[in-house]
N, C-alpha and C. Protein backbone atom coordinates (compact mmCIF):
# COMPACT_ATOMS: atom_id res chain seq x y z
N MET A 1 28.72 -22.13 40.89
CA MET A 1 28.81 -20.88 40.12
C MET A 1 29.76 -21.05 38.92
N LYS A 2 30.90 -21.69 39.17
CA LYS A 2 31.86 -21.90 38.08
C LYS A 2 31.23 -22.71 36.95
N LYS A 3 30.44 -23.75 37.33
CA LYS A 3 29.80 -24.59 36.33
C LYS A 3 28.78 -23.79 35.53
N LEU A 4 28.05 -22.90 36.22
CA LEU A 4 27.05 -22.06 35.54
C LEU A 4 27.71 -21.14 34.53
N LEU A 5 28.84 -20.53 34.91
CA LEU A 5 29.55 -19.64 34.00
C LEU A 5 30.05 -20.39 32.77
N ILE A 6 30.54 -21.63 32.99
CA ILE A 6 31.01 -22.43 31.86
C ILE A 6 29.86 -22.74 30.91
N ASN A 7 28.70 -23.11 31.48
CA ASN A 7 27.53 -23.41 30.65
C ASN A 7 27.08 -22.20 29.86
N LEU A 8 27.08 -21.02 30.50
CA LEU A 8 26.69 -19.80 29.80
C LEU A 8 27.67 -19.47 28.68
N ALA A 9 28.96 -19.69 28.92
CA ALA A 9 29.96 -19.42 27.89
C ALA A 9 29.77 -20.36 26.70
N VAL A 10 29.48 -21.65 27.00
CA VAL A 10 29.25 -22.60 25.92
C VAL A 10 28.02 -22.21 25.10
N MET A 11 26.94 -21.81 25.79
CA MET A 11 25.71 -21.41 25.10
C MET A 11 25.95 -20.19 24.23
N ALA A 12 26.71 -19.21 24.74
CA ALA A 12 27.00 -18.00 23.97
C ALA A 12 27.82 -18.33 22.73
N THR A 13 28.79 -19.24 22.89
CA THR A 13 29.63 -19.64 21.76
C THR A 13 28.80 -20.33 20.68
N LEU A 14 27.92 -21.27 21.12
CA LEU A 14 27.07 -21.97 20.17
C LEU A 14 26.12 -21.01 19.48
N GLY A 15 25.59 -20.04 20.26
CA GLY A 15 24.68 -19.06 19.66
C GLY A 15 25.38 -18.21 18.62
N SER A 16 26.62 -17.82 18.92
CA SER A 16 27.39 -17.02 17.95
C SER A 16 27.67 -17.82 16.70
N ALA A 17 28.00 -19.09 16.87
CA ALA A 17 28.30 -19.92 15.70
C ALA A 17 27.06 -20.09 14.84
N THR A 18 25.88 -20.25 15.51
CA THR A 18 24.64 -20.38 14.74
C THR A 18 24.35 -19.11 13.96
N THR A 19 24.53 -17.95 14.64
CA THR A 19 24.28 -16.66 13.97
C THR A 19 25.19 -16.49 12.77
N LEU A 20 26.47 -16.81 12.94
CA LEU A 20 27.41 -16.61 11.85
C LEU A 20 27.11 -17.52 10.66
N SER A 21 26.46 -18.68 10.94
CA SER A 21 26.17 -19.61 9.85
C SER A 21 24.91 -19.23 9.08
N GLN A 22 24.13 -18.29 9.61
CA GLN A 22 22.89 -17.91 8.96
C GLN A 22 23.16 -17.08 7.72
N ALA A 23 22.14 -17.03 6.88
CA ALA A 23 22.25 -16.24 5.66
C ALA A 23 22.25 -14.74 5.99
N GLN A 24 22.70 -13.96 5.03
CA GLN A 24 22.74 -12.51 5.16
C GLN A 24 22.11 -11.88 3.93
N ASP A 25 21.64 -10.63 4.09
CA ASP A 25 20.95 -9.93 3.01
C ASP A 25 21.70 -8.68 2.58
N ILE A 26 21.68 -8.43 1.29
CA ILE A 26 21.95 -7.11 0.77
C ILE A 26 20.69 -6.65 0.06
N TYR A 27 20.40 -5.37 0.11
CA TYR A 27 19.14 -4.91 -0.49
C TYR A 27 19.28 -3.51 -1.07
N ALA A 28 18.38 -3.21 -2.00
CA ALA A 28 18.35 -1.91 -2.65
C ALA A 28 16.91 -1.58 -2.99
N GLY A 29 16.55 -0.29 -2.85
CA GLY A 29 15.17 0.07 -3.11
C GLY A 29 15.00 1.54 -3.43
N LEU A 30 13.73 1.91 -3.60
CA LEU A 30 13.32 3.29 -3.86
C LEU A 30 12.34 3.73 -2.79
N GLY A 31 12.32 5.04 -2.51
CA GLY A 31 11.40 5.52 -1.49
C GLY A 31 11.41 7.02 -1.36
N ALA A 32 10.99 7.50 -0.19
CA ALA A 32 10.95 8.92 0.11
C ALA A 32 11.04 9.10 1.63
N PRO A 33 11.70 10.19 2.12
CA PRO A 33 12.31 11.24 1.31
C PRO A 33 13.64 10.86 0.68
N GLY A 34 14.29 9.82 1.17
CA GLY A 34 15.48 9.33 0.48
C GLY A 34 15.06 8.52 -0.73
N ILE A 35 15.45 8.92 -1.92
CA ILE A 35 14.95 8.27 -3.14
C ILE A 35 15.57 6.89 -3.32
N TYR A 36 16.88 6.77 -3.10
CA TYR A 36 17.57 5.50 -3.28
C TYR A 36 18.03 4.96 -1.92
N THR A 37 17.93 3.65 -1.74
CA THR A 37 18.37 3.01 -0.50
C THR A 37 19.20 1.78 -0.82
N ILE A 38 20.32 1.63 -0.14
CA ILE A 38 21.11 0.41 -0.18
C ILE A 38 21.37 -0.02 1.26
N GLY A 39 21.45 -1.34 1.48
CA GLY A 39 21.65 -1.76 2.85
C GLY A 39 22.11 -3.19 3.00
N TYR A 40 22.37 -3.54 4.24
CA TYR A 40 22.85 -4.88 4.62
C TYR A 40 22.09 -5.32 5.86
N ALA A 41 21.60 -6.56 5.86
CA ALA A 41 20.87 -7.10 6.99
C ALA A 41 21.53 -8.39 7.45
N HIS A 42 21.61 -8.56 8.78
CA HIS A 42 22.25 -9.75 9.35
C HIS A 42 21.31 -10.37 10.39
N PRO A 43 20.78 -11.57 10.15
CA PRO A 43 19.93 -12.24 11.14
C PRO A 43 20.72 -12.54 12.41
N MET A 44 20.08 -12.32 13.55
CA MET A 44 20.69 -12.62 14.83
C MET A 44 19.97 -13.73 15.57
N GLY A 45 19.11 -14.44 14.88
CA GLY A 45 18.32 -15.50 15.46
C GLY A 45 17.06 -15.69 14.64
N SER A 46 16.15 -16.52 15.13
CA SER A 46 14.93 -16.80 14.37
C SER A 46 13.92 -15.68 14.44
N SER A 47 14.04 -14.78 15.41
CA SER A 47 13.00 -13.77 15.59
C SER A 47 13.51 -12.33 15.53
N TRP A 48 14.81 -12.13 15.33
CA TRP A 48 15.26 -10.74 15.21
C TRP A 48 16.55 -10.66 14.42
N GLY A 49 16.87 -9.43 13.97
CA GLY A 49 18.07 -9.20 13.17
C GLY A 49 18.49 -7.74 13.24
N LEU A 50 19.66 -7.47 12.71
CA LEU A 50 20.20 -6.12 12.66
C LEU A 50 20.37 -5.69 11.21
N ARG A 51 20.16 -4.40 10.96
CA ARG A 51 20.32 -3.85 9.60
C ARG A 51 21.02 -2.50 9.66
N GLY A 52 21.70 -2.19 8.59
CA GLY A 52 22.23 -0.85 8.39
C GLY A 52 21.99 -0.46 6.95
N ASP A 53 21.51 0.77 6.71
CA ASP A 53 21.33 1.20 5.32
C ASP A 53 21.59 2.69 5.16
N TYR A 54 21.64 3.09 3.90
CA TYR A 54 21.92 4.48 3.54
C TYR A 54 20.94 4.90 2.47
N ALA A 55 20.27 6.05 2.69
CA ALA A 55 19.29 6.57 1.75
C ALA A 55 19.72 7.97 1.30
N TRP A 56 19.59 8.22 0.01
CA TRP A 56 20.04 9.51 -0.53
C TRP A 56 19.28 9.78 -1.83
N GLY A 57 19.60 10.91 -2.47
CA GLY A 57 19.09 11.17 -3.81
C GLY A 57 18.15 12.36 -3.93
N LEU A 58 17.53 12.82 -2.81
CA LEU A 58 16.65 13.97 -2.89
C LEU A 58 17.50 15.24 -2.94
N ASN A 59 17.44 15.95 -4.05
CA ASN A 59 18.19 17.18 -4.23
C ASN A 59 17.39 18.06 -5.20
N TRP A 60 16.44 18.81 -4.65
CA TRP A 60 15.51 19.60 -5.47
C TRP A 60 15.79 21.09 -5.30
N SER A 61 15.61 21.83 -6.38
CA SER A 61 15.75 23.29 -6.30
C SER A 61 14.68 23.93 -7.17
N GLY A 62 14.26 25.12 -6.77
CA GLY A 62 13.24 25.85 -7.52
C GLY A 62 13.26 27.31 -7.10
N SER A 63 12.44 28.11 -7.75
CA SER A 63 12.40 29.54 -7.45
C SER A 63 10.99 30.07 -7.70
N GLY A 64 10.71 31.25 -7.13
CA GLY A 64 9.41 31.89 -7.32
C GLY A 64 9.51 33.34 -6.89
N SER A 65 8.42 34.07 -6.98
CA SER A 65 8.42 35.47 -6.57
C SER A 65 7.04 35.85 -6.05
N ASP A 66 7.02 36.86 -5.16
CA ASP A 66 5.78 37.35 -4.58
C ASP A 66 5.96 38.82 -4.24
N ASN A 67 5.17 39.68 -4.87
CA ASN A 67 5.23 41.13 -4.61
C ASN A 67 6.64 41.70 -4.76
N GLY A 68 7.34 41.26 -5.80
CA GLY A 68 8.65 41.79 -6.09
C GLY A 68 9.79 41.14 -5.34
N VAL A 69 9.48 40.19 -4.45
CA VAL A 69 10.52 39.47 -3.72
C VAL A 69 10.74 38.11 -4.37
N THR A 70 11.97 37.82 -4.74
CA THR A 70 12.32 36.55 -5.40
C THR A 70 12.81 35.54 -4.37
N TYR A 71 12.31 34.31 -4.48
CA TYR A 71 12.69 33.25 -3.56
C TYR A 71 13.37 32.12 -4.33
N ASP A 72 14.53 31.71 -3.86
CA ASP A 72 15.20 30.51 -4.36
C ASP A 72 15.17 29.46 -3.25
N ALA A 73 14.81 28.24 -3.60
CA ALA A 73 14.67 27.19 -2.60
C ALA A 73 15.42 25.94 -3.03
N THR A 74 16.05 25.28 -2.07
CA THR A 74 16.67 23.97 -2.32
C THR A 74 16.30 23.04 -1.16
N ILE A 75 16.08 21.77 -1.48
CA ILE A 75 15.76 20.77 -0.49
C ILE A 75 16.70 19.59 -0.71
N LYS A 76 17.40 19.18 0.34
CA LYS A 76 18.33 18.05 0.26
C LYS A 76 18.06 17.10 1.43
N HIS A 77 18.20 15.81 1.16
CA HIS A 77 18.01 14.82 2.23
C HIS A 77 18.86 13.59 1.97
N ARG A 78 19.56 13.16 2.99
CA ARG A 78 20.24 11.88 2.99
C ARG A 78 20.39 11.43 4.44
N ARG A 79 20.42 10.14 4.65
CA ARG A 79 20.54 9.64 6.01
C ARG A 79 21.09 8.22 6.03
N ALA A 80 21.81 7.90 7.10
CA ALA A 80 22.26 6.55 7.38
C ALA A 80 21.49 6.05 8.60
N GLY A 81 21.21 4.76 8.65
CA GLY A 81 20.43 4.24 9.76
C GLY A 81 20.95 2.90 10.24
N LEU A 82 20.80 2.65 11.54
CA LEU A 82 21.09 1.36 12.15
C LEU A 82 19.81 0.90 12.85
N PHE A 83 19.33 -0.31 12.49
CA PHE A 83 18.01 -0.75 12.93
C PHE A 83 18.06 -2.16 13.50
N ALA A 84 17.14 -2.42 14.43
CA ALA A 84 16.89 -3.77 14.94
C ALA A 84 15.50 -4.19 14.48
N ASP A 85 15.40 -5.36 13.86
CA ASP A 85 14.13 -5.91 13.38
C ASP A 85 13.67 -7.03 14.30
N TRP A 86 12.40 -6.98 14.70
CA TRP A 86 11.81 -8.04 15.51
C TRP A 86 10.66 -8.66 14.73
N PHE A 87 10.71 -9.97 14.55
CA PHE A 87 9.69 -10.71 13.82
C PHE A 87 8.78 -11.43 14.83
N PRO A 88 7.69 -10.78 15.26
CA PRO A 88 6.89 -11.35 16.36
C PRO A 88 6.12 -12.60 15.98
N PHE A 89 5.87 -12.82 14.69
CA PHE A 89 5.07 -13.96 14.27
C PHE A 89 5.87 -14.99 13.47
N ASN A 90 7.21 -14.87 13.51
CA ASN A 90 8.10 -15.79 12.79
C ASN A 90 7.81 -15.83 11.29
N GLY A 91 7.33 -14.71 10.78
CA GLY A 91 7.11 -14.57 9.35
C GLY A 91 7.84 -13.34 8.84
N GLY A 92 7.39 -12.80 7.73
CA GLY A 92 8.07 -11.66 7.15
C GLY A 92 7.78 -10.34 7.83
N PHE A 93 6.62 -10.24 8.52
CA PHE A 93 6.27 -8.98 9.18
C PHE A 93 7.22 -8.72 10.35
N ARG A 94 7.62 -7.44 10.49
CA ARG A 94 8.55 -7.10 11.56
C ARG A 94 8.25 -5.73 12.14
N LEU A 95 8.62 -5.55 13.38
CA LEU A 95 8.63 -4.26 14.06
C LEU A 95 10.07 -3.76 14.07
N VAL A 96 10.23 -2.46 13.86
CA VAL A 96 11.57 -1.90 13.66
C VAL A 96 11.82 -0.75 14.63
N GLY A 97 12.99 -0.75 15.23
CA GLY A 97 13.46 0.37 16.04
C GLY A 97 14.91 0.66 15.71
N GLY A 98 15.30 1.92 15.82
CA GLY A 98 16.68 2.24 15.51
C GLY A 98 17.00 3.70 15.67
N VAL A 99 18.10 4.11 15.08
CA VAL A 99 18.55 5.49 15.12
C VAL A 99 19.09 5.87 13.75
N THR A 100 18.88 7.12 13.36
CA THR A 100 19.35 7.59 12.06
C THR A 100 20.31 8.77 12.23
N ALA A 101 21.29 8.85 11.35
CA ALA A 101 22.19 9.99 11.24
C ALA A 101 21.78 10.76 10.00
N ASN A 102 21.37 12.03 10.17
CA ASN A 102 20.67 12.75 9.11
C ASN A 102 21.45 13.95 8.59
N ASP A 103 21.34 14.16 7.29
CA ASP A 103 21.76 15.40 6.65
C ASP A 103 20.58 15.85 5.81
N SER A 104 19.64 16.54 6.45
CA SER A 104 18.38 16.92 5.81
C SER A 104 18.13 18.39 6.07
N ARG A 105 18.01 19.17 5.00
CA ARG A 105 17.83 20.61 5.18
C ARG A 105 17.09 21.23 4.00
N MET A 106 16.49 22.38 4.27
CA MET A 106 15.81 23.17 3.25
C MET A 106 16.32 24.61 3.35
N ASP A 107 16.75 25.16 2.23
CA ASP A 107 17.26 26.53 2.18
C ASP A 107 16.33 27.40 1.36
N PHE A 108 15.97 28.57 1.93
CA PHE A 108 15.12 29.54 1.25
C PHE A 108 15.83 30.89 1.28
N ASN A 109 16.15 31.41 0.12
CA ASN A 109 16.88 32.67 0.00
C ASN A 109 15.98 33.70 -0.68
N ALA A 110 15.80 34.87 -0.04
CA ALA A 110 14.90 35.90 -0.55
C ALA A 110 15.66 37.20 -0.80
N GLN A 111 15.39 37.80 -1.95
CA GLN A 111 15.92 39.11 -2.28
C GLN A 111 15.04 39.71 -3.37
N GLY A 112 15.24 40.99 -3.67
CA GLY A 112 14.43 41.61 -4.72
C GLY A 112 14.16 43.07 -4.45
N THR A 113 13.07 43.57 -5.03
CA THR A 113 12.73 45.00 -4.91
C THR A 113 11.46 45.23 -4.10
N GLY A 114 10.78 44.16 -3.68
CA GLY A 114 9.55 44.32 -2.92
C GLY A 114 9.81 44.52 -1.44
N ASN A 115 8.77 44.29 -0.63
CA ASN A 115 8.86 44.48 0.81
C ASN A 115 8.76 43.14 1.55
N ALA A 116 9.41 43.07 2.70
CA ALA A 116 9.30 41.92 3.59
C ALA A 116 8.91 42.43 4.97
N THR A 117 8.19 41.62 5.72
CA THR A 117 7.77 42.00 7.07
C THR A 117 8.51 41.13 8.07
N ILE A 118 9.33 41.77 8.91
CA ILE A 118 10.14 41.10 9.91
C ILE A 118 9.61 41.47 11.29
N ASN A 119 8.97 40.52 11.97
CA ASN A 119 8.41 40.76 13.30
C ASN A 119 7.46 41.97 13.29
N GLY A 120 6.65 42.06 12.24
CA GLY A 120 5.68 43.15 12.14
C GLY A 120 6.24 44.45 11.63
N ASN A 121 7.51 44.50 11.28
CA ASN A 121 8.17 45.71 10.79
C ASN A 121 8.48 45.52 9.31
N THR A 122 7.80 46.27 8.45
CA THR A 122 7.95 46.11 7.00
C THR A 122 9.14 46.91 6.49
N VAL A 123 9.97 46.25 5.67
CA VAL A 123 11.19 46.87 5.18
C VAL A 123 11.36 46.51 3.71
N SER A 124 12.00 47.41 2.95
CA SER A 124 12.27 47.15 1.54
C SER A 124 13.37 46.12 1.39
N MET A 125 13.19 45.20 0.41
CA MET A 125 14.20 44.18 0.13
C MET A 125 15.18 44.62 -0.95
N ALA A 126 15.04 45.84 -1.46
CA ALA A 126 15.93 46.31 -2.52
C ALA A 126 17.37 46.32 -2.03
N GLY A 127 18.22 45.51 -2.68
CA GLY A 127 19.62 45.41 -2.29
C GLY A 127 19.86 44.62 -1.03
N ASN A 128 18.83 43.96 -0.50
CA ASN A 128 18.95 43.22 0.75
C ASN A 128 18.61 41.75 0.56
N TYR A 129 18.89 40.95 1.57
CA TYR A 129 18.56 39.53 1.50
C TYR A 129 18.08 39.04 2.87
N PHE A 130 17.30 37.98 2.83
CA PHE A 130 16.82 37.32 4.05
C PHE A 130 16.79 35.83 3.76
N ASN A 131 17.79 35.12 4.26
CA ASN A 131 17.96 33.69 3.96
C ASN A 131 17.60 32.85 5.18
N VAL A 132 16.88 31.78 4.94
CA VAL A 132 16.45 30.89 6.02
C VAL A 132 16.89 29.46 5.68
N GLN A 133 17.50 28.79 6.65
CA GLN A 133 17.84 27.38 6.51
C GLN A 133 17.08 26.59 7.57
N LEU A 134 16.32 25.60 7.11
CA LEU A 134 15.63 24.68 8.01
C LEU A 134 16.44 23.39 8.04
N LYS A 135 16.82 22.97 9.24
CA LYS A 135 17.72 21.82 9.37
C LYS A 135 17.13 20.80 10.33
N TYR A 136 17.23 19.51 9.94
CA TYR A 136 16.73 18.42 10.76
C TYR A 136 17.83 17.97 11.73
N PRO A 137 17.47 17.42 12.91
CA PRO A 137 18.49 16.97 13.86
C PRO A 137 19.48 15.98 13.24
N THR A 138 20.73 16.09 13.63
CA THR A 138 21.77 15.23 13.08
C THR A 138 21.53 13.76 13.43
N ALA A 139 21.04 13.49 14.63
CA ALA A 139 20.72 12.13 15.06
C ALA A 139 19.30 12.10 15.61
N ALA A 140 18.55 11.04 15.30
CA ALA A 140 17.16 10.96 15.74
C ALA A 140 16.73 9.50 15.83
N PRO A 141 15.81 9.18 16.77
CA PRO A 141 15.30 7.81 16.88
C PRO A 141 14.30 7.50 15.79
N TYR A 142 14.15 6.21 15.49
CA TYR A 142 13.26 5.74 14.42
C TYR A 142 12.42 4.58 14.94
N LEU A 143 11.12 4.58 14.56
CA LEU A 143 10.22 3.47 14.82
C LEU A 143 9.43 3.19 13.54
N GLY A 144 9.19 1.91 13.27
CA GLY A 144 8.44 1.60 12.07
C GLY A 144 8.00 0.15 12.02
N ILE A 145 7.41 -0.20 10.89
CA ILE A 145 7.03 -1.57 10.59
C ILE A 145 7.62 -1.92 9.23
N GLY A 146 7.68 -3.21 8.95
CA GLY A 146 8.22 -3.61 7.67
C GLY A 146 7.90 -5.05 7.34
N TYR A 147 8.34 -5.46 6.17
CA TYR A 147 8.18 -6.84 5.73
C TYR A 147 9.44 -7.23 4.97
N GLY A 148 9.91 -8.46 5.18
CA GLY A 148 11.09 -8.95 4.47
C GLY A 148 12.27 -9.20 5.38
N HIS A 149 13.35 -9.75 4.81
CA HIS A 149 14.58 -10.11 5.52
C HIS A 149 14.41 -11.32 6.43
N GLN A 150 13.39 -12.16 6.16
CA GLN A 150 13.18 -13.32 7.00
C GLN A 150 12.91 -14.58 6.17
N LYS A 151 13.14 -14.53 4.87
CA LYS A 151 12.91 -15.70 4.03
C LYS A 151 13.92 -16.80 4.37
N ALA A 152 13.46 -18.03 4.35
CA ALA A 152 14.30 -19.15 4.79
C ALA A 152 15.35 -19.54 3.74
N ASP A 153 15.01 -19.40 2.47
CA ASP A 153 15.93 -19.85 1.43
C ASP A 153 16.71 -18.68 0.86
N ARG A 154 17.85 -19.00 0.26
CA ARG A 154 18.68 -17.98 -0.34
C ARG A 154 18.12 -17.61 -1.72
N GLY A 155 18.49 -16.41 -2.16
CA GLY A 155 18.03 -15.96 -3.46
C GLY A 155 17.35 -14.60 -3.37
N LEU A 156 16.53 -14.31 -4.36
CA LEU A 156 15.93 -12.98 -4.51
C LEU A 156 14.60 -12.89 -3.78
N GLY A 157 14.36 -11.76 -3.13
CA GLY A 157 13.10 -11.49 -2.46
C GLY A 157 12.81 -10.01 -2.50
N PHE A 158 11.88 -9.57 -1.65
CA PHE A 158 11.58 -8.15 -1.61
C PHE A 158 11.41 -7.70 -0.16
N TYR A 159 11.45 -6.39 0.05
CA TYR A 159 11.25 -5.83 1.39
C TYR A 159 10.39 -4.58 1.29
N PHE A 160 9.82 -4.20 2.42
CA PHE A 160 9.03 -2.97 2.52
C PHE A 160 9.24 -2.38 3.91
N ASP A 161 9.44 -1.07 3.98
CA ASP A 161 9.58 -0.38 5.26
C ASP A 161 8.74 0.89 5.29
N LEU A 162 8.06 1.11 6.40
CA LEU A 162 7.28 2.32 6.63
C LEU A 162 7.51 2.74 8.07
N GLY A 163 7.95 3.99 8.27
CA GLY A 163 8.24 4.41 9.63
C GLY A 163 8.35 5.91 9.77
N VAL A 164 8.70 6.34 10.97
CA VAL A 164 8.86 7.76 11.26
C VAL A 164 10.15 7.97 12.04
N THR A 165 10.83 9.06 11.73
CA THR A 165 11.96 9.53 12.51
C THR A 165 11.48 10.69 13.37
N PHE A 166 11.81 10.68 14.65
CA PHE A 166 11.27 11.67 15.58
C PHE A 166 12.24 12.83 15.75
N GLY A 167 11.79 14.01 15.34
CA GLY A 167 12.58 15.22 15.44
C GLY A 167 11.95 16.33 14.62
N SER A 168 12.23 17.58 14.96
CA SER A 168 11.65 18.72 14.27
C SER A 168 12.74 19.54 13.58
N TYR A 169 12.40 20.11 12.44
CA TYR A 169 13.29 21.05 11.78
C TYR A 169 13.40 22.33 12.64
N THR A 170 14.56 22.95 12.61
CA THR A 170 14.76 24.24 13.27
C THR A 170 15.28 25.23 12.24
N ALA A 171 14.97 26.50 12.47
CA ALA A 171 15.30 27.56 11.51
C ALA A 171 16.53 28.34 11.95
N GLU A 172 17.38 28.66 10.98
CA GLU A 172 18.49 29.59 11.17
C GLU A 172 18.37 30.67 10.11
N VAL A 173 18.67 31.92 10.50
CA VAL A 173 18.46 33.07 9.63
C VAL A 173 19.78 33.77 9.35
N ASP A 174 19.98 34.16 8.09
CA ASP A 174 21.12 34.98 7.69
C ASP A 174 20.57 36.16 6.89
N THR A 175 20.79 37.39 7.36
CA THR A 175 20.22 38.57 6.70
C THR A 175 21.11 39.79 6.92
N ASN A 176 20.97 40.75 6.02
CA ASN A 176 21.66 42.04 6.18
C ASN A 176 20.66 43.16 6.50
N LEU A 177 19.46 42.79 6.94
CA LEU A 177 18.41 43.78 7.18
C LEU A 177 18.56 44.52 8.50
N VAL A 178 19.39 44.00 9.42
CA VAL A 178 19.56 44.68 10.71
C VAL A 178 20.12 46.09 10.49
N GLY A 179 19.43 47.08 11.06
CA GLY A 179 19.85 48.47 10.90
C GLY A 179 19.16 49.18 9.75
N LYS A 180 18.49 48.44 8.85
CA LYS A 180 17.79 49.07 7.74
C LYS A 180 16.46 49.67 8.24
N THR A 181 16.04 50.77 7.64
CA THR A 181 14.84 51.48 8.07
C THR A 181 13.59 50.78 7.58
N GLY A 182 12.69 50.48 8.53
CA GLY A 182 11.42 49.84 8.20
C GLY A 182 10.26 50.75 8.53
N SER A 183 9.05 50.21 8.44
CA SER A 183 7.84 51.01 8.67
C SER A 183 7.70 51.43 10.12
N LYS A 184 8.36 50.72 11.04
CA LYS A 184 8.28 51.05 12.47
C LYS A 184 9.64 51.43 13.02
N GLY A 185 10.52 51.90 12.14
CA GLY A 185 11.87 52.23 12.57
C GLY A 185 12.86 51.18 12.09
N ALA A 186 14.08 51.27 12.57
CA ALA A 186 15.13 50.37 12.10
C ALA A 186 14.85 48.93 12.52
N ILE A 187 15.19 48.00 11.60
CA ILE A 187 15.13 46.57 11.93
C ILE A 187 16.25 46.26 12.92
N THR A 188 15.93 45.60 14.01
CA THR A 188 16.92 45.26 15.02
C THR A 188 17.19 43.76 15.01
N GLN A 189 18.26 43.37 15.71
CA GLN A 189 18.55 41.94 15.84
C GLN A 189 17.43 41.26 16.61
N ALA A 190 16.79 42.00 17.54
CA ALA A 190 15.66 41.43 18.28
C ALA A 190 14.50 41.10 17.35
N ASP A 191 14.28 41.94 16.32
CA ASP A 191 13.25 41.64 15.33
C ASP A 191 13.56 40.35 14.59
N VAL A 192 14.82 40.21 14.17
CA VAL A 192 15.24 39.00 13.45
C VAL A 192 15.10 37.77 14.34
N ASP A 193 15.52 37.90 15.61
CA ASP A 193 15.43 36.77 16.53
C ASP A 193 13.97 36.39 16.79
N ALA A 194 13.09 37.40 16.89
CA ALA A 194 11.68 37.12 17.11
C ALA A 194 11.07 36.42 15.90
N GLN A 195 11.48 36.84 14.70
CA GLN A 195 10.98 36.19 13.49
C GLN A 195 11.46 34.74 13.42
N LYS A 196 12.72 34.51 13.79
CA LYS A 196 13.25 33.14 13.80
C LYS A 196 12.52 32.28 14.83
N GLN A 197 12.24 32.86 16.00
CA GLN A 197 11.53 32.10 17.03
C GLN A 197 10.12 31.74 16.58
N ALA A 198 9.47 32.65 15.87
CA ALA A 198 8.13 32.36 15.35
C ALA A 198 8.18 31.19 14.36
N MET A 199 9.23 31.15 13.52
CA MET A 199 9.40 30.03 12.60
C MET A 199 9.60 28.73 13.36
N ASN A 200 10.46 28.77 14.39
CA ASN A 200 10.73 27.55 15.16
C ASN A 200 9.50 27.08 15.91
N ASP A 201 8.70 28.03 16.41
CA ASP A 201 7.46 27.65 17.09
C ASP A 201 6.51 26.96 16.13
N SER A 202 6.45 27.48 14.91
CA SER A 202 5.58 26.88 13.90
C SER A 202 6.06 25.48 13.52
N LEU A 203 7.38 25.34 13.35
CA LEU A 203 7.94 24.04 12.97
C LEU A 203 7.85 23.03 14.09
N GLY A 204 7.76 23.50 15.33
CA GLY A 204 7.71 22.60 16.47
C GLY A 204 6.47 21.73 16.50
N GLY A 205 5.45 22.10 15.73
CA GLY A 205 4.25 21.28 15.68
C GLY A 205 4.42 20.02 14.86
N TYR A 206 5.53 19.92 14.13
CA TYR A 206 5.80 18.74 13.31
C TYR A 206 6.93 17.96 13.98
N LYS A 207 6.56 16.90 14.70
CA LYS A 207 7.50 16.21 15.56
C LYS A 207 8.13 14.98 14.91
N TYR A 208 7.79 14.68 13.69
CA TYR A 208 8.33 13.47 13.08
C TYR A 208 8.43 13.64 11.57
N LEU A 209 9.30 12.84 10.98
CA LEU A 209 9.52 12.83 9.54
C LEU A 209 9.22 11.43 9.02
N PRO A 210 8.11 11.25 8.27
CA PRO A 210 7.77 9.91 7.77
C PRO A 210 8.69 9.49 6.64
N SER A 211 8.83 8.18 6.47
CA SER A 211 9.64 7.65 5.38
C SER A 211 9.07 6.32 4.92
N VAL A 212 9.34 5.98 3.67
CA VAL A 212 8.89 4.72 3.10
C VAL A 212 9.95 4.23 2.12
N SER A 213 10.11 2.91 2.03
CA SER A 213 11.08 2.33 1.11
C SER A 213 10.61 0.94 0.69
N LEU A 214 10.79 0.64 -0.59
CA LEU A 214 10.37 -0.64 -1.16
C LEU A 214 11.43 -1.08 -2.15
N GLY A 215 11.82 -2.36 -2.09
CA GLY A 215 12.84 -2.80 -3.03
C GLY A 215 13.10 -4.28 -2.99
N LEU A 216 14.26 -4.67 -3.51
CA LEU A 216 14.64 -6.07 -3.65
C LEU A 216 15.72 -6.47 -2.65
N VAL A 217 15.66 -7.73 -2.24
CA VAL A 217 16.62 -8.30 -1.30
C VAL A 217 17.29 -9.50 -1.97
N TYR A 218 18.58 -9.61 -1.79
CA TYR A 218 19.28 -10.83 -2.22
C TYR A 218 19.91 -11.48 -1.01
N ARG A 219 19.46 -12.69 -0.69
CA ARG A 219 19.97 -13.44 0.46
C ARG A 219 21.04 -14.43 0.02
N PHE A 220 22.18 -14.44 0.69
CA PHE A 220 23.28 -15.33 0.32
C PHE A 220 23.85 -16.01 1.56
């Protein structure tokens, strides 16, 4: 047993030394929903490696109106990810698994002089507001495919990633309509909660967030 442990320790040491001597990648690219991506990849052997990257840049805002109700909308997305790459054919193609830390949300703010319907109860929006924030889970698993980070020689190359993060947006509501008189009587907190639940039920049908990124790799 002692001899076996010594052999395992020697093999682990040699494996670590081999890994540390391998080349490493830095990379940058463009994609969606994160527009810009920067990252670092470290080979852990001939058939797999570890990566970490950060994607950001989506920050959109707009406005519109419908029947006297004005809507302002903003969409923001950024995320950090830690991934394991497996190269099943000892080439550039890889299978990817990992986890992402997300700051992804959509804000919709409504106000104006028209009417809004809350859980079937129509109420005037004059002097009132109904704001909705859709937020993605802070942490979520990721699966995907890709190409790159496996070139044998140092220098410039390219990479491609296509995958999905698993998680659904959830809705949060901020409004001053509770207690205001509607077509079926006063708007109650139960009406607001029912409207929020209907939004969450609708969003629950979307269980994943797709992403794509393409860019350049420098191996050193």
